[in-house]
Amino acid sequence: MTPAERYRRSLWQFIKFGIVGGSGVLVNMIVNIVMNKLNGGTINAQDVLWSIPGTPFNIRFTMLAWFVPFLVANLWNFQLNRWWTFKSSKAAGWWREFWPFLAVGSVAMLTGAILKLLMTNPTMPLYLPEPHFHEEVGLRSREYWSQLIAILFTMPINFLVNKLWTFKAVRSSKLASAPAEERPTI
């Protein structure tokens, strides 16, 4: 494969990854909205769920509304990327590819959680300012915008690591251990 062909293939994979990611953003936001509605609206997003004993810190609903939607969307994205973007469903077992994908997603999830915290906590430097962002109107909700912004910042990293590690390395190790007559020719 020539460098130009590899570039085109990688660009097409990135576009497909973006389409899958876009559908994952929708899944993430729907789960987030449902969770916030069930909690009484985004006005309650800063409610404390658990205090961390011996510290002034606590876990707020906004973090739960980050982690749960991210995990649901991560599973959604994994299956679509496996089947469509990287076409790896015939190359390696589901669990064998899922754990690395989840590991990569977990790094993005923690990075996004920090970003969301920085945008929703009024004592932080990246706090989304009023009057543009507030919890009185859903479309201006700091909770929803911080979720979306954090997702957009973590997507490129997610693509590169998943392309270079999750789907390629797992597939390569399986192919390397296969008998020569079963290995595909490129």
N, C-alpha and C. Protein backbone atom coordinates (compact mmCIF):
# COMPACT_ATOMS: atom_id res chain seq x y z
N MET A 1 0.85 -1.17 0.00
CA MET A 1 0.00 0.00 0.00
C MET A 1 0.90 1.24 0.00
N THR A 2 0.64 2.17 -0.90
CA THR A 2 1.44 3.39 -1.01
C THR A 2 1.11 4.33 0.15
N PRO A 3 2.00 5.28 0.42
CA PRO A 3 1.71 6.27 1.48
C PRO A 3 0.41 7.04 1.21
N ALA A 4 0.15 7.36 -0.05
CA ALA A 4 -1.08 8.09 -0.39
C ALA A 4 -2.31 7.24 -0.09
N GLU A 5 -2.24 5.94 -0.40
CA GLU A 5 -3.36 5.04 -0.12
C GLU A 5 -3.58 4.89 1.39
N ARG A 6 -2.46 4.79 2.13
CA ARG A 6 -2.57 4.70 3.60
C ARG A 6 -3.20 5.97 4.17
N TYR A 7 -2.78 7.11 3.63
CA TYR A 7 -3.33 8.39 4.09
C TYR A 7 -4.83 8.45 3.82
N ARG A 8 -5.24 8.09 2.58
CA ARG A 8 -6.67 8.09 2.24
C ARG A 8 -7.45 7.14 3.14
N ARG A 9 -6.89 5.96 3.36
CA ARG A 9 -7.55 4.97 4.22
C ARG A 9 -7.69 5.50 5.65
N SER A 10 -6.62 6.10 6.17
CA SER A 10 -6.67 6.66 7.53
C SER A 10 -7.66 7.81 7.61
N LEU A 11 -7.67 8.66 6.58
CA LEU A 11 -8.62 9.78 6.56
C LEU A 11 -10.06 9.25 6.55
N TRP A 12 -10.34 8.24 5.73
CA TRP A 12 -11.68 7.65 5.68
C TRP A 12 -12.04 7.02 7.03
N GLN A 13 -11.07 6.35 7.65
CA GLN A 13 -11.32 5.78 8.98
C GLN A 13 -11.63 6.88 9.98
N PHE A 14 -10.90 7.99 9.91
CA PHE A 14 -11.15 9.11 10.83
C PHE A 14 -12.55 9.67 10.61
N ILE A 15 -12.97 9.79 9.36
CA ILE A 15 -14.32 10.28 9.05
C ILE A 15 -15.36 9.31 9.61
N LYS A 16 -15.17 8.02 9.39
CA LYS A 16 -16.10 7.02 9.93
C LYS A 16 -16.10 7.05 11.46
N PHE A 17 -14.90 7.16 12.04
CA PHE A 17 -14.79 7.25 13.49
C PHE A 17 -15.56 8.48 14.00
N GLY A 18 -15.48 9.58 13.25
CA GLY A 18 -16.21 10.79 13.60
C GLY A 18 -17.72 10.61 13.51
N ILE A 19 -18.17 9.89 12.49
CA ILE A 19 -19.61 9.61 12.36
C ILE A 19 -20.09 8.75 13.52
N VAL A 20 -19.32 7.70 13.82
CA VAL A 20 -19.65 6.85 14.97
C VAL A 20 -19.60 7.69 16.25
N GLY A 21 -18.56 8.52 16.37
CA GLY A 21 -18.44 9.39 17.53
C GLY A 21 -19.61 10.34 17.65
N GLY A 22 -20.08 10.86 16.51
CA GLY A 22 -21.25 11.75 16.52
C GLY A 22 -22.48 11.03 17.04
N SER A 23 -22.65 9.78 16.61
CA SER A 23 -23.80 9.02 17.12
C SER A 23 -23.60 8.73 18.60
N GLY A 24 -22.34 8.52 19.01
CA GLY A 24 -22.04 8.31 20.43
C GLY A 24 -22.31 9.55 21.26
N VAL A 25 -22.04 10.73 20.68
CA VAL A 25 -22.35 11.99 21.38
C VAL A 25 -23.86 12.07 21.62
N LEU A 26 -24.64 11.71 20.60
CA LEU A 26 -26.11 11.71 20.77
C LEU A 26 -26.53 10.74 21.87
N VAL A 27 -25.97 9.53 21.86
CA VAL A 27 -26.29 8.55 22.90
C VAL A 27 -25.90 9.12 24.27
N ASN A 28 -24.70 9.67 24.36
CA ASN A 28 -24.21 10.24 25.61
C ASN A 28 -25.14 11.35 26.11
N MET A 29 -25.49 12.27 25.22
CA MET A 29 -26.32 13.40 25.62
C MET A 29 -27.73 12.96 26.00
N ILE A 30 -28.28 11.98 25.29
CA ILE A 30 -29.62 11.48 25.63
C ILE A 30 -29.61 10.86 27.03
N VAL A 31 -28.60 10.03 27.31
CA VAL A 31 -28.50 9.43 28.64
C VAL A 31 -28.32 10.51 29.69
N ASN A 32 -27.48 11.51 29.40
CA ASN A 32 -27.26 12.62 30.34
C ASN A 32 -28.54 13.39 30.60
N ILE A 33 -29.28 13.70 29.55
CA ILE A 33 -30.53 14.45 29.70
C ILE A 33 -31.54 13.65 30.51
N VAL A 34 -31.67 12.36 30.20
CA VAL A 34 -32.61 11.51 30.95
C VAL A 34 -32.22 11.46 32.42
N MET A 35 -30.93 11.28 32.69
CA MET A 35 -30.48 11.23 34.09
C MET A 35 -30.78 12.55 34.81
N ASN A 36 -30.50 13.68 34.14
CA ASN A 36 -30.78 14.98 34.76
C ASN A 36 -32.27 15.19 34.98
N LYS A 37 -33.08 14.79 34.01
CA LYS A 37 -34.55 14.92 34.18
C LYS A 37 -35.02 14.09 35.36
N LEU A 38 -34.51 12.86 35.49
CA LEU A 38 -34.89 12.00 36.61
C LEU A 38 -34.41 12.55 37.95
N ASN A 39 -33.38 13.40 37.91
CA ASN A 39 -32.85 14.02 39.12
C ASN A 39 -33.49 15.38 39.39
N GLY A 40 -34.49 15.76 38.64
CA GLY A 40 -35.17 17.03 38.87
C GLY A 40 -34.66 18.19 38.04
N GLY A 41 -33.85 17.91 37.04
CA GLY A 41 -33.33 18.95 36.15
C GLY A 41 -31.89 19.30 36.44
N THR A 42 -31.29 20.06 35.52
CA THR A 42 -29.87 20.41 35.67
C THR A 42 -29.63 21.34 36.85
N ILE A 43 -30.67 21.95 37.35
CA ILE A 43 -30.53 22.81 38.53
C ILE A 43 -30.01 22.00 39.73
N ASN A 44 -30.24 20.67 39.70
CA ASN A 44 -29.80 19.79 40.78
C ASN A 44 -28.50 19.05 40.46
N ALA A 45 -27.85 19.41 39.38
CA ALA A 45 -26.64 18.69 38.95
C ALA A 45 -25.51 18.79 39.97
N GLN A 46 -25.48 19.85 40.76
CA GLN A 46 -24.41 20.01 41.74
C GLN A 46 -24.75 19.38 43.10
N ASP A 47 -25.86 18.67 43.18
CA ASP A 47 -26.22 17.97 44.43
C ASP A 47 -25.11 17.00 44.81
N VAL A 48 -24.80 16.98 46.10
CA VAL A 48 -23.78 16.06 46.61
C VAL A 48 -24.39 14.67 46.76
N LEU A 49 -23.73 13.68 46.16
CA LEU A 49 -24.17 12.29 46.30
C LEU A 49 -23.44 11.60 47.45
N TRP A 50 -22.12 11.79 47.51
CA TRP A 50 -21.30 11.18 48.55
C TRP A 50 -20.22 12.16 48.98
N SER A 51 -20.03 12.26 50.27
CA SER A 51 -18.89 13.02 50.80
C SER A 51 -17.72 12.06 50.90
N ILE A 52 -16.54 12.55 50.63
CA ILE A 52 -15.34 11.73 50.76
C ILE A 52 -14.83 11.93 52.18
N PRO A 53 -14.91 10.89 53.01
CA PRO A 53 -14.55 11.03 54.43
C PRO A 53 -13.14 11.56 54.63
N GLY A 54 -13.01 12.47 55.60
CA GLY A 54 -11.72 13.02 55.96
C GLY A 54 -11.20 14.08 55.01
N THR A 55 -12.02 14.48 54.01
CA THR A 55 -11.59 15.51 53.06
C THR A 55 -12.73 16.51 52.88
N PRO A 56 -12.42 17.67 52.35
CA PRO A 56 -13.49 18.63 52.04
C PRO A 56 -14.16 18.33 50.69
N PHE A 57 -13.79 17.22 50.05
CA PHE A 57 -14.28 16.90 48.71
C PHE A 57 -15.49 15.97 48.77
N ASN A 58 -16.24 15.99 47.66
CA ASN A 58 -17.40 15.12 47.56
C ASN A 58 -17.67 14.78 46.10
N ILE A 59 -18.54 13.81 45.91
CA ILE A 59 -18.94 13.40 44.56
C ILE A 59 -20.32 13.99 44.31
N ARG A 60 -20.44 14.74 43.24
CA ARG A 60 -21.70 15.39 42.90
C ARG A 60 -22.41 14.63 41.77
N PHE A 61 -23.70 14.89 41.64
CA PHE A 61 -24.50 14.23 40.60
C PHE A 61 -23.92 14.48 39.21
N THR A 62 -23.36 15.64 38.98
CA THR A 62 -22.81 15.98 37.66
C THR A 62 -21.75 14.97 37.22
N MET A 63 -20.99 14.43 38.19
CA MET A 63 -19.97 13.44 37.84
C MET A 63 -20.61 12.09 37.50
N LEU A 64 -21.65 11.72 38.22
CA LEU A 64 -22.38 10.50 37.89
C LEU A 64 -22.99 10.65 36.49
N ALA A 65 -23.50 11.86 36.21
CA ALA A 65 -24.10 12.14 34.90
C ALA A 65 -23.03 12.33 33.82
N TRP A 66 -21.77 12.25 34.18
CA TRP A 66 -20.69 12.18 33.20
C TRP A 66 -20.30 10.73 32.96
N PHE A 67 -20.09 9.97 34.04
CA PHE A 67 -19.56 8.60 33.93
C PHE A 67 -20.55 7.62 33.29
N VAL A 68 -21.80 7.64 33.72
CA VAL A 68 -22.78 6.68 33.19
C VAL A 68 -23.01 6.88 31.69
N PRO A 69 -23.31 8.11 31.24
CA PRO A 69 -23.49 8.30 29.79
C PRO A 69 -22.23 7.96 28.99
N PHE A 70 -21.06 8.26 29.56
CA PHE A 70 -19.82 7.95 28.85
C PHE A 70 -19.67 6.45 28.66
N LEU A 71 -19.96 5.67 29.69
CA LEU A 71 -19.84 4.22 29.59
C LEU A 71 -20.83 3.63 28.59
N VAL A 72 -22.06 4.14 28.60
CA VAL A 72 -23.07 3.66 27.64
C VAL A 72 -22.63 4.01 26.21
N ALA A 73 -22.21 5.25 25.99
CA ALA A 73 -21.77 5.67 24.66
C ALA A 73 -20.49 4.93 24.24
N ASN A 74 -19.61 4.64 25.19
CA ASN A 74 -18.38 3.92 24.90
C ASN A 74 -18.70 2.53 24.36
N LEU A 75 -19.65 1.86 24.97
CA LEU A 75 -20.06 0.53 24.50
C LEU A 75 -20.67 0.64 23.10
N TRP A 76 -21.52 1.62 22.90
CA TRP A 76 -22.14 1.89 21.59
C TRP A 76 -21.07 2.12 20.53
N ASN A 77 -20.13 3.02 20.84
CA ASN A 77 -19.07 3.36 19.89
C ASN A 77 -18.17 2.16 19.60
N PHE A 78 -17.87 1.38 20.63
CA PHE A 78 -17.02 0.20 20.43
C PHE A 78 -17.63 -0.72 19.38
N GLN A 79 -18.89 -1.03 19.56
CA GLN A 79 -19.52 -1.99 18.66
C GLN A 79 -19.57 -1.45 17.23
N LEU A 80 -19.92 -0.19 17.07
CA LEU A 80 -19.97 0.39 15.72
C LEU A 80 -18.57 0.50 15.10
N ASN A 81 -17.59 0.92 15.87
CA ASN A 81 -16.22 1.03 15.34
C ASN A 81 -15.66 -0.34 14.98
N ARG A 82 -15.96 -1.31 15.79
CA ARG A 82 -15.49 -2.68 15.55
C ARG A 82 -16.07 -3.23 14.25
N TRP A 83 -17.34 -2.99 14.06
CA TRP A 83 -18.04 -3.54 12.91
C TRP A 83 -17.79 -2.74 11.63
N TRP A 84 -17.78 -1.39 11.74
CA TRP A 84 -17.78 -0.55 10.55
C TRP A 84 -16.45 0.17 10.31
N THR A 85 -15.96 0.92 11.29
CA THR A 85 -14.78 1.77 11.08
C THR A 85 -13.52 0.95 10.83
N PHE A 86 -13.24 0.03 11.76
CA PHE A 86 -11.99 -0.73 11.67
C PHE A 86 -12.20 -2.16 11.16
N LYS A 87 -13.45 -2.54 10.96
CA LYS A 87 -13.81 -3.86 10.43
C LYS A 87 -13.00 -4.98 11.09
N SER A 88 -13.01 -4.97 12.40
CA SER A 88 -12.18 -5.94 13.12
C SER A 88 -12.98 -7.08 13.71
N SER A 89 -14.29 -7.11 13.49
CA SER A 89 -15.12 -8.12 14.14
C SER A 89 -14.75 -9.55 13.71
N LYS A 90 -14.11 -9.69 12.56
CA LYS A 90 -13.70 -11.03 12.13
C LYS A 90 -12.24 -11.31 12.47
N ALA A 91 -11.55 -10.31 12.98
CA ALA A 91 -10.11 -10.46 13.24
C ALA A 91 -9.78 -10.85 14.67
N ALA A 92 -10.57 -10.44 15.63
CA ALA A 92 -10.27 -10.73 17.03
C ALA A 92 -11.57 -10.88 17.80
N GLY A 93 -11.49 -11.52 18.94
CA GLY A 93 -12.67 -11.72 19.78
C GLY A 93 -13.18 -10.41 20.37
N TRP A 94 -14.49 -10.38 20.64
CA TRP A 94 -15.14 -9.18 21.16
C TRP A 94 -14.49 -8.72 22.45
N TRP A 95 -14.36 -9.62 23.42
CA TRP A 95 -13.78 -9.24 24.72
C TRP A 95 -12.33 -8.82 24.58
N ARG A 96 -11.64 -9.46 23.69
CA ARG A 96 -10.21 -9.16 23.50
C ARG A 96 -10.01 -7.72 23.01
N GLU A 97 -10.92 -7.24 22.20
CA GLU A 97 -10.83 -5.84 21.75
C GLU A 97 -11.53 -4.88 22.69
N PHE A 98 -12.57 -5.35 23.40
CA PHE A 98 -13.33 -4.45 24.25
C PHE A 98 -12.50 -3.90 25.40
N TRP A 99 -11.71 -4.75 26.07
CA TRP A 99 -10.96 -4.28 27.24
C TRP A 99 -9.97 -3.17 26.89
N PRO A 100 -9.19 -3.29 25.82
CA PRO A 100 -8.33 -2.15 25.46
C PRO A 100 -9.14 -0.90 25.10
N PHE A 101 -10.27 -1.09 24.39
CA PHE A 101 -11.13 0.04 24.02
C PHE A 101 -11.65 0.73 25.28
N LEU A 102 -12.07 -0.07 26.26
CA LEU A 102 -12.56 0.49 27.52
C LEU A 102 -11.43 1.20 28.27
N ALA A 103 -10.23 0.63 28.22
CA ALA A 103 -9.08 1.28 28.89
C ALA A 103 -8.81 2.65 28.27
N VAL A 104 -8.81 2.71 26.94
CA VAL A 104 -8.61 3.99 26.25
C VAL A 104 -9.76 4.94 26.60
N GLY A 105 -10.97 4.42 26.54
CA GLY A 105 -12.14 5.23 26.89
C GLY A 105 -12.08 5.73 28.31
N SER A 106 -11.54 4.93 29.22
CA SER A 106 -11.45 5.33 30.62
C SER A 106 -10.51 6.51 30.81
N VAL A 107 -9.41 6.53 30.05
CA VAL A 107 -8.50 7.68 30.11
C VAL A 107 -9.23 8.93 29.60
N ALA A 108 -9.94 8.77 28.49
CA ALA A 108 -10.72 9.89 27.95
C ALA A 108 -11.82 10.28 28.93
N MET A 109 -12.44 9.28 29.58
CA MET A 109 -13.51 9.56 30.54
C MET A 109 -12.98 10.37 31.72
N LEU A 110 -11.83 10.01 32.24
CA LEU A 110 -11.25 10.75 33.37
C LEU A 110 -10.81 12.15 32.95
N THR A 111 -10.22 12.26 31.76
CA THR A 111 -9.84 13.58 31.24
C THR A 111 -11.08 14.45 31.08
N GLY A 112 -12.14 13.88 30.50
CA GLY A 112 -13.39 14.62 30.33
C GLY A 112 -14.02 15.00 31.65
N ALA A 113 -13.93 14.13 32.66
CA ALA A 113 -14.49 14.43 33.98
C ALA A 113 -13.79 15.65 34.58
N ILE A 114 -12.48 15.71 34.41
CA ILE A 114 -11.73 16.87 34.92
C ILE A 114 -12.16 18.14 34.18
N LEU A 115 -12.28 18.03 32.85
CA LEU A 115 -12.72 19.19 32.08
C LEU A 115 -14.11 19.64 32.50
N LYS A 116 -15.01 18.67 32.68
CA LYS A 116 -16.38 19.01 33.08
C LYS A 116 -16.39 19.67 34.46
N LEU A 117 -15.59 19.15 35.37
CA LEU A 117 -15.48 19.75 36.71
C LEU A 117 -14.99 21.19 36.61
N LEU A 118 -13.99 21.42 35.77
CA LEU A 118 -13.45 22.77 35.59
C LEU A 118 -14.49 23.74 35.01
N MET A 119 -15.43 23.21 34.22
CA MET A 119 -16.43 24.07 33.57
C MET A 119 -17.71 24.23 34.39
N THR A 120 -17.94 23.37 35.39
CA THR A 120 -19.20 23.44 36.15
C THR A 120 -19.02 23.90 37.59
N ASN A 121 -17.80 23.93 38.07
CA ASN A 121 -17.55 24.36 39.45
C ASN A 121 -17.23 25.85 39.45
N PRO A 122 -18.03 26.66 40.17
CA PRO A 122 -17.84 28.11 40.12
C PRO A 122 -16.49 28.59 40.65
N THR A 123 -15.76 27.77 41.37
CA THR A 123 -14.45 28.18 41.88
C THR A 123 -13.31 27.86 40.91
N MET A 124 -13.62 27.27 39.78
CA MET A 124 -12.59 26.85 38.82
C MET A 124 -12.40 27.88 37.71
N PRO A 125 -11.19 27.94 37.14
CA PRO A 125 -10.89 28.96 36.13
C PRO A 125 -11.62 28.81 34.80
N LEU A 126 -12.08 27.60 34.46
CA LEU A 126 -12.78 27.40 33.19
C LEU A 126 -14.30 27.37 33.35
N TYR A 127 -14.79 27.82 34.49
CA TYR A 127 -16.22 27.84 34.77
C TYR A 127 -16.95 28.58 33.65
N LEU A 128 -17.97 27.95 33.09
CA LEU A 128 -18.73 28.57 32.00
C LEU A 128 -19.56 29.72 32.57
N PRO A 129 -19.32 30.94 32.08
CA PRO A 129 -19.86 32.14 32.72
C PRO A 129 -21.35 32.41 32.43
N GLU A 130 -21.95 33.08 33.38
CA GLU A 130 -23.29 33.64 33.16
C GLU A 130 -23.08 34.96 32.45
N PRO A 131 -23.98 35.48 31.71
CA PRO A 131 -25.35 35.07 31.51
C PRO A 131 -25.52 34.03 30.40
N HIS A 132 -24.42 33.70 29.70
CA HIS A 132 -24.54 32.76 28.57
C HIS A 132 -24.92 31.35 29.03
N PHE A 133 -24.39 30.94 30.16
CA PHE A 133 -24.64 29.59 30.66
C PHE A 133 -25.28 29.67 32.04
N HIS A 134 -26.38 28.96 32.17
CA HIS A 134 -27.08 28.89 33.47
C HIS A 134 -27.99 27.67 33.43
N GLU A 135 -28.61 27.37 34.56
CA GLU A 135 -29.42 26.15 34.64
C GLU A 135 -30.92 26.42 34.52
N GLU A 136 -31.32 27.63 34.14
CA GLU A 136 -32.75 27.93 34.01
C GLU A 136 -33.33 27.43 32.68
N VAL A 137 -32.48 27.36 31.63
CA VAL A 137 -32.95 26.93 30.31
C VAL A 137 -32.03 25.81 29.84
N GLY A 138 -32.62 24.69 29.42
CA GLY A 138 -31.84 23.52 29.02
C GLY A 138 -30.79 23.78 27.97
N LEU A 139 -31.11 24.60 26.95
CA LEU A 139 -30.15 24.85 25.87
C LEU A 139 -28.96 25.68 26.32
N ARG A 140 -29.09 26.37 27.43
CA ARG A 140 -27.98 27.16 27.95
C ARG A 140 -27.36 26.50 29.18
N SER A 141 -27.74 25.28 29.42
CA SER A 141 -27.30 24.57 30.61
C SER A 141 -25.80 24.34 30.62
N ARG A 142 -25.17 24.81 31.66
CA ARG A 142 -23.75 24.59 31.88
C ARG A 142 -23.47 23.09 31.91
N GLU A 143 -24.39 22.34 32.48
CA GLU A 143 -24.28 20.88 32.58
C GLU A 143 -24.18 20.24 31.19
N TYR A 144 -25.04 20.63 30.28
CA TYR A 144 -25.05 20.04 28.94
C TYR A 144 -23.87 20.53 28.10
N TRP A 145 -23.57 21.83 28.16
CA TRP A 145 -22.48 22.37 27.36
C TRP A 145 -21.13 21.82 27.82
N SER A 146 -20.95 21.69 29.12
CA SER A 146 -19.67 21.15 29.61
C SER A 146 -19.52 19.69 29.17
N GLN A 147 -20.62 18.94 29.15
CA GLN A 147 -20.60 17.55 28.70
C GLN A 147 -20.15 17.49 27.23
N LEU A 148 -20.76 18.32 26.42
CA LEU A 148 -20.46 18.34 24.99
C LEU A 148 -19.02 18.80 24.70
N ILE A 149 -18.59 19.84 25.36
CA ILE A 149 -17.23 20.36 25.16
C ILE A 149 -16.19 19.32 25.57
N ALA A 150 -16.40 18.66 26.70
CA ALA A 150 -15.46 17.64 27.16
C ALA A 150 -15.38 16.47 26.17
N ILE A 151 -16.52 16.09 25.61
CA ILE A 151 -16.53 15.00 24.62
C ILE A 151 -15.72 15.41 23.39
N LEU A 152 -15.92 16.63 22.91
CA LEU A 152 -15.22 17.09 21.71
C LEU A 152 -13.71 17.16 21.92
N PHE A 153 -13.28 17.51 23.13
CA PHE A 153 -11.84 17.58 23.41
C PHE A 153 -11.20 16.20 23.50
N THR A 154 -11.94 15.20 23.92
CA THR A 154 -11.36 13.87 24.10
C THR A 154 -11.43 13.01 22.84
N MET A 155 -12.21 13.39 21.85
CA MET A 155 -12.41 12.56 20.66
C MET A 155 -11.14 12.31 19.83
N PRO A 156 -10.33 13.32 19.49
CA PRO A 156 -9.14 13.04 18.66
C PRO A 156 -8.15 12.09 19.32
N ILE A 157 -7.96 12.23 20.62
CA ILE A 157 -7.06 11.34 21.35
C ILE A 157 -7.60 9.92 21.29
N ASN A 158 -8.90 9.80 21.52
CA ASN A 158 -9.57 8.50 21.47
C ASN A 158 -9.35 7.82 20.12
N PHE A 159 -9.50 8.57 19.03
CA PHE A 159 -9.32 8.00 17.70
C PHE A 159 -7.91 7.46 17.51
N LEU A 160 -6.91 8.28 17.78
CA LEU A 160 -5.53 7.87 17.54
C LEU A 160 -5.14 6.64 18.35
N VAL A 161 -5.46 6.65 19.63
CA VAL A 161 -5.06 5.51 20.47
C VAL A 161 -5.82 4.25 20.07
N ASN A 162 -7.11 4.38 19.76
CA ASN A 162 -7.86 3.21 19.34
C ASN A 162 -7.38 2.67 17.99
N LYS A 163 -7.06 3.56 17.07
CA LYS A 163 -6.57 3.12 15.77
C LYS A 163 -5.23 2.42 15.91
N LEU A 164 -4.32 3.03 16.66
CA LEU A 164 -2.96 2.51 16.74
C LEU A 164 -2.81 1.36 17.74
N TRP A 165 -3.69 1.27 18.71
CA TRP A 165 -3.52 0.23 19.73
C TRP A 165 -4.66 -0.77 19.77
N THR A 166 -5.86 -0.30 20.09
CA THR A 166 -6.96 -1.22 20.34
C THR A 166 -7.23 -2.15 19.17
N PHE A 167 -7.53 -1.59 18.01
CA PHE A 167 -7.96 -2.41 16.90
C PHE A 167 -6.79 -2.99 16.10
N LYS A 168 -5.66 -2.31 16.09
CA LYS A 168 -4.52 -2.79 15.32
C LYS A 168 -3.70 -3.82 16.11
N ALA A 169 -3.33 -3.49 17.34
CA ALA A 169 -2.46 -4.37 18.12
C ALA A 169 -3.14 -5.70 18.44
N VAL A 170 -4.40 -5.65 18.81
CA VAL A 170 -5.11 -6.88 19.15
C VAL A 170 -5.22 -7.76 17.91
N ARG A 171 -5.55 -7.15 16.78
CA ARG A 171 -5.66 -7.88 15.54
C ARG A 171 -4.31 -8.44 15.12
N SER A 172 -3.26 -7.62 15.23
CA SER A 172 -1.92 -8.05 14.82
C SER A 172 -1.44 -9.23 15.63
N SER A 173 -1.69 -9.21 16.95
CA SER A 173 -1.22 -10.32 17.78
C SER A 173 -1.96 -11.60 17.43
N LYS A 174 -3.23 -11.50 17.07
CA LYS A 174 -3.99 -12.69 16.67
C LYS A 174 -3.50 -13.20 15.33
N LEU A 175 -3.26 -12.27 14.39
CA LEU A 175 -2.79 -12.69 13.07
C LEU A 175 -1.40 -13.31 13.14
N ALA A 176 -0.54 -12.76 13.99
CA ALA A 176 0.82 -13.29 14.11
C ALA A 176 0.82 -14.71 14.64
N SER A 177 -0.16 -15.05 15.48
CA SER A 177 -0.21 -16.39 16.03
C SER A 177 -0.97 -17.37 15.13
N ALA A 178 -1.60 -16.89 14.07
CA ALA A 178 -2.35 -17.76 13.15
C ALA A 178 -1.39 -18.45 12.19
N PRO A 179 -1.75 -19.65 11.75
CA PRO A 179 -0.92 -20.32 10.74
C PRO A 179 -0.82 -19.45 9.48
N ALA A 180 0.30 -19.54 8.78
CA ALA A 180 0.57 -18.70 7.61
C ALA A 180 -0.53 -18.77 6.57
N GLU A 181 -1.11 -19.95 6.34
CA GLU A 181 -2.15 -20.08 5.31
C GLU A 181 -3.44 -19.36 5.70
N GLU A 182 -3.63 -19.04 7.00
CA GLU A 182 -4.85 -18.35 7.44
C GLU A 182 -4.68 -16.84 7.49
N ARG A 183 -3.44 -16.35 7.34
CA ARG A 183 -3.20 -14.91 7.40
C ARG A 183 -3.62 -14.26 6.09
N PRO A 184 -4.35 -13.14 6.19
CA PRO A 184 -4.73 -12.45 4.95
C PRO A 184 -3.52 -11.80 4.28
N THR A 185 -3.56 -11.73 2.99
CA THR A 185 -2.49 -11.03 2.27
C THR A 185 -2.94 -9.61 2.00
N ILE A 186 -1.99 -8.71 2.08
CA ILE A 186 -2.32 -7.28 1.89
C ILE A 186 -1.71 -6.79 0.61
